[in-house]
Protein backbone atom coordinates (compact mmCIF):
# COMPACT_ATOMS: atom_id res chain seq x y z
CA MET A 1 69.57 -25.82 -3.95
CA THR A 2 70.58 -28.95 -2.07
CA ILE A 3 73.00 -28.49 0.81
CA MET A 4 75.86 -30.96 0.93
CA ASP A 5 78.62 -30.95 3.52
CA ASP A 6 82.23 -32.12 3.09
CA LYS A 7 81.36 -35.72 4.05
CA ASP A 8 78.61 -35.87 1.41
CA MET A 9 81.07 -34.55 -1.18
CA GLU A 10 83.66 -37.17 -0.17
CA ILE A 11 81.11 -39.98 -0.43
CA LEU A 12 80.04 -38.69 -3.84
CA ARG A 13 83.68 -38.41 -5.00
CA ILE A 14 84.30 -42.03 -4.00
CA LEU A 15 81.14 -43.24 -5.76
CA ILE A 16 81.96 -41.30 -8.94
CA HIS A 17 85.32 -43.05 -9.01
CA ASP A 18 83.88 -46.49 -8.15
CA GLY A 19 80.11 -46.84 -8.02
CA ARG A 20 80.40 -50.44 -6.82
CA LYS A 21 82.44 -49.61 -3.75
CA GLN A 22 80.85 -51.20 -0.70
CA ILE A 23 79.30 -48.97 1.95
CA VAL A 24 81.43 -50.65 4.62
CA ASP A 25 84.60 -49.72 2.66
CA ILE A 26 83.48 -46.11 2.18
CA ALA A 27 82.65 -45.88 5.88
CA SER A 28 86.06 -47.26 6.81
CA GLU A 29 87.87 -44.90 4.44
CA LEU A 30 86.05 -41.85 5.81
CA GLY A 31 85.91 -42.95 9.45
CA LEU A 32 82.11 -42.85 9.54
CA PRO A 33 79.55 -45.41 10.71
CA ARG A 34 78.08 -47.60 7.91
CA SER A 35 74.57 -46.44 8.77
CA THR A 36 75.61 -42.79 8.32
CA VAL A 37 77.14 -43.49 4.90
CA ASN A 38 74.08 -45.51 3.88
CA ASP A 39 71.72 -42.72 5.02
CA ARG A 40 73.73 -40.08 3.16
CA ILE A 41 73.73 -42.12 -0.07
CA ARG A 42 69.97 -42.70 0.20
CA LYS A 43 69.47 -38.97 0.78
CA MET A 44 71.54 -38.11 -2.30
CA LEU A 45 69.51 -40.59 -4.35
CA SER A 46 66.17 -39.24 -3.11
CA GLN A 47 67.23 -35.65 -3.80
CA GLY A 48 68.40 -36.51 -7.30
CA ILE A 49 72.04 -35.64 -6.58
CA ILE A 50 72.93 -39.18 -7.61
CA LYS A 51 70.88 -39.89 -10.73
CA LYS A 52 71.83 -43.53 -11.18
CA PHE A 53 74.55 -46.10 -10.84
CA THR A 54 75.89 -47.36 -14.14
CA ALA A 55 78.64 -49.42 -15.74
CA LEU A 56 81.38 -47.97 -17.93
CA PRO A 57 82.32 -50.69 -20.44
CA ASP A 58 85.46 -51.03 -22.50
CA TYR A 59 83.69 -50.12 -25.74
CA SER A 60 86.38 -51.62 -27.95
CA LYS A 61 85.68 -55.03 -26.40
CA ILE A 62 82.00 -54.83 -27.35
CA GLY A 63 82.51 -53.73 -30.94
CA LEU A 64 82.08 -49.98 -30.44
CA GLY A 65 85.72 -48.91 -30.42
CA VAL A 66 85.35 -45.78 -32.54
CA LYS A 67 84.12 -42.61 -30.83
CA ALA A 68 83.40 -39.28 -32.48
CA TYR A 69 81.96 -35.92 -31.62
CA ILE A 70 79.66 -34.36 -34.18
CA LEU A 71 79.11 -30.62 -34.16
CA VAL A 72 75.72 -29.62 -35.52
CA SER A 73 74.62 -26.23 -36.79
CA PHE A 74 70.91 -25.65 -36.29
CA LYS A 75 68.60 -24.09 -38.90
CA SER A 76 65.03 -23.27 -37.95
CA GLU A 77 62.76 -25.27 -40.28
CA GLY A 78 59.54 -25.72 -38.33
CA ILE A 79 61.42 -27.38 -35.48
CA ASP A 80 63.13 -25.79 -32.51
CA GLN A 81 66.63 -26.59 -31.29
CA HIS A 82 65.42 -28.57 -28.27
CA GLN A 83 63.18 -30.75 -30.44
CA LEU A 84 66.06 -31.46 -32.81
CA ALA A 85 68.37 -32.34 -29.92
CA GLU A 86 65.72 -34.69 -28.49
CA GLN A 87 65.33 -36.43 -31.87
CA ILE A 88 69.10 -36.83 -32.17
CA ALA A 89 69.27 -38.25 -28.63
CA LYS A 90 66.89 -41.08 -29.64
CA MET A 91 69.15 -42.26 -32.48
CA ASP A 92 71.09 -45.51 -32.19
CA SER A 93 74.81 -44.98 -31.59
CA VAL A 94 74.22 -41.64 -29.84
CA TYR A 95 75.59 -41.52 -26.29
CA GLU A 96 75.37 -37.85 -25.41
CA VAL A 97 73.73 -34.70 -26.78
CA SER A 98 74.40 -31.19 -25.48
CA LEU A 99 73.25 -27.74 -26.52
CA ILE A 100 76.35 -25.55 -26.68
CA SER A 101 77.41 -21.95 -27.21
CA GLY A 102 79.65 -20.63 -29.95
CA GLU A 103 79.75 -21.27 -33.68
CA TRP A 104 77.97 -24.63 -33.34
CA ASP A 105 74.64 -25.27 -31.64
CA ILE A 106 74.68 -28.96 -30.66
CA ILE A 107 77.43 -31.46 -29.91
CA VAL A 108 76.75 -35.17 -30.20
CA LYS A 109 78.92 -38.01 -28.87
CA VAL A 110 78.57 -41.21 -30.90
CA ARG A 111 80.12 -44.69 -30.82
CA ALA A 112 80.30 -47.22 -33.62
CA PRO A 113 82.33 -50.20 -34.82
CA SER A 114 84.04 -48.18 -37.57
CA VAL A 115 84.63 -44.74 -39.00
CA GLU A 116 82.52 -45.83 -41.97
CA ALA A 117 79.57 -46.56 -39.68
CA ILE A 118 79.87 -43.08 -38.18
CA GLY A 119 80.00 -41.67 -41.71
CA ARG A 120 76.76 -43.46 -42.59
CA LEU A 121 75.13 -42.12 -39.44
CA VAL A 122 76.15 -38.55 -40.30
CA ILE A 123 75.46 -38.64 -44.05
CA ASP A 124 72.39 -40.87 -44.21
CA LYS A 125 70.61 -39.94 -41.00
CA LEU A 126 71.83 -36.82 -39.21
CA ARG A 127 72.26 -34.53 -42.22
CA SER A 128 68.82 -35.44 -43.53
CA MET A 129 67.06 -34.38 -40.32
CA LYS A 130 64.87 -31.30 -40.40
CA GLY A 131 66.74 -28.50 -38.62
CA VAL A 132 70.29 -29.66 -39.38
CA GLU A 133 72.09 -27.06 -41.46
CA LYS A 134 75.59 -28.57 -41.43
CA THR A 135 77.80 -30.88 -39.40
CA GLN A 136 81.45 -31.35 -38.56
CA THR A 137 82.71 -34.69 -37.29
CA CYS A 138 85.75 -35.11 -35.05
CA VAL A 139 86.90 -38.71 -34.61
CA CYS A 140 88.70 -39.43 -31.33
CA PHE A 141 92.16 -40.94 -31.56
CA GLU A 142 92.46 -41.68 -27.86
CA THR A 143 90.51 -40.96 -24.67
CA LEU A 144 92.59 -40.29 -21.58
CA LYS A 145 89.74 -39.85 -19.10
CA GLU A 146 86.09 -40.75 -19.32
CA SER A 147 83.37 -41.06 -16.75
């Protein structure tokens, strides 16, 4: 387990909120030297605490304004649940895949230009995959927080 102190957690909180925030601004906000903030960020990167820096686009402005979550029930057919999840993760339009507990086995976050496109993804591709027993699709009306 990696040990992080309160300053590391504050730096991480700031970067989660704004990954482009300048080191000098973080240092000023926390009352730390720039070199200390820089060293702590490099340490978090080298330890894998920070996996990557990425952009969060406005998906509606790039033609992917419809988001849905697809619940998948797994059926063993010569494939295990991890293999199925990995195959789903490689599909176009898929943004997140998680193995979950409860009535469903996998949850998939997808984005597309229309509800019809999501329907084609589910009906033509996902439901025909070996190991998929059934699906349930939940289209998002509005997202209040996303990271």
